[in-house]
């Protein structure tokens, strides 16, 4: 039987620590996986797909 997953949304203003929170959480819970985000805006300079 497959385990049922859970979805966590991390949303906060720029500079609030989202990346730090996600990095630390992934170190403590290595089974977590990132999802690919999607936006309708034009790509920013240096941004790549995926």
Foldseek 3Di string as FASTA:
>chain_A
DDDDDDDDDDDDDPPPCSVVVVVVVCVVPVVDDDDADDDDDDDDVPDDHD
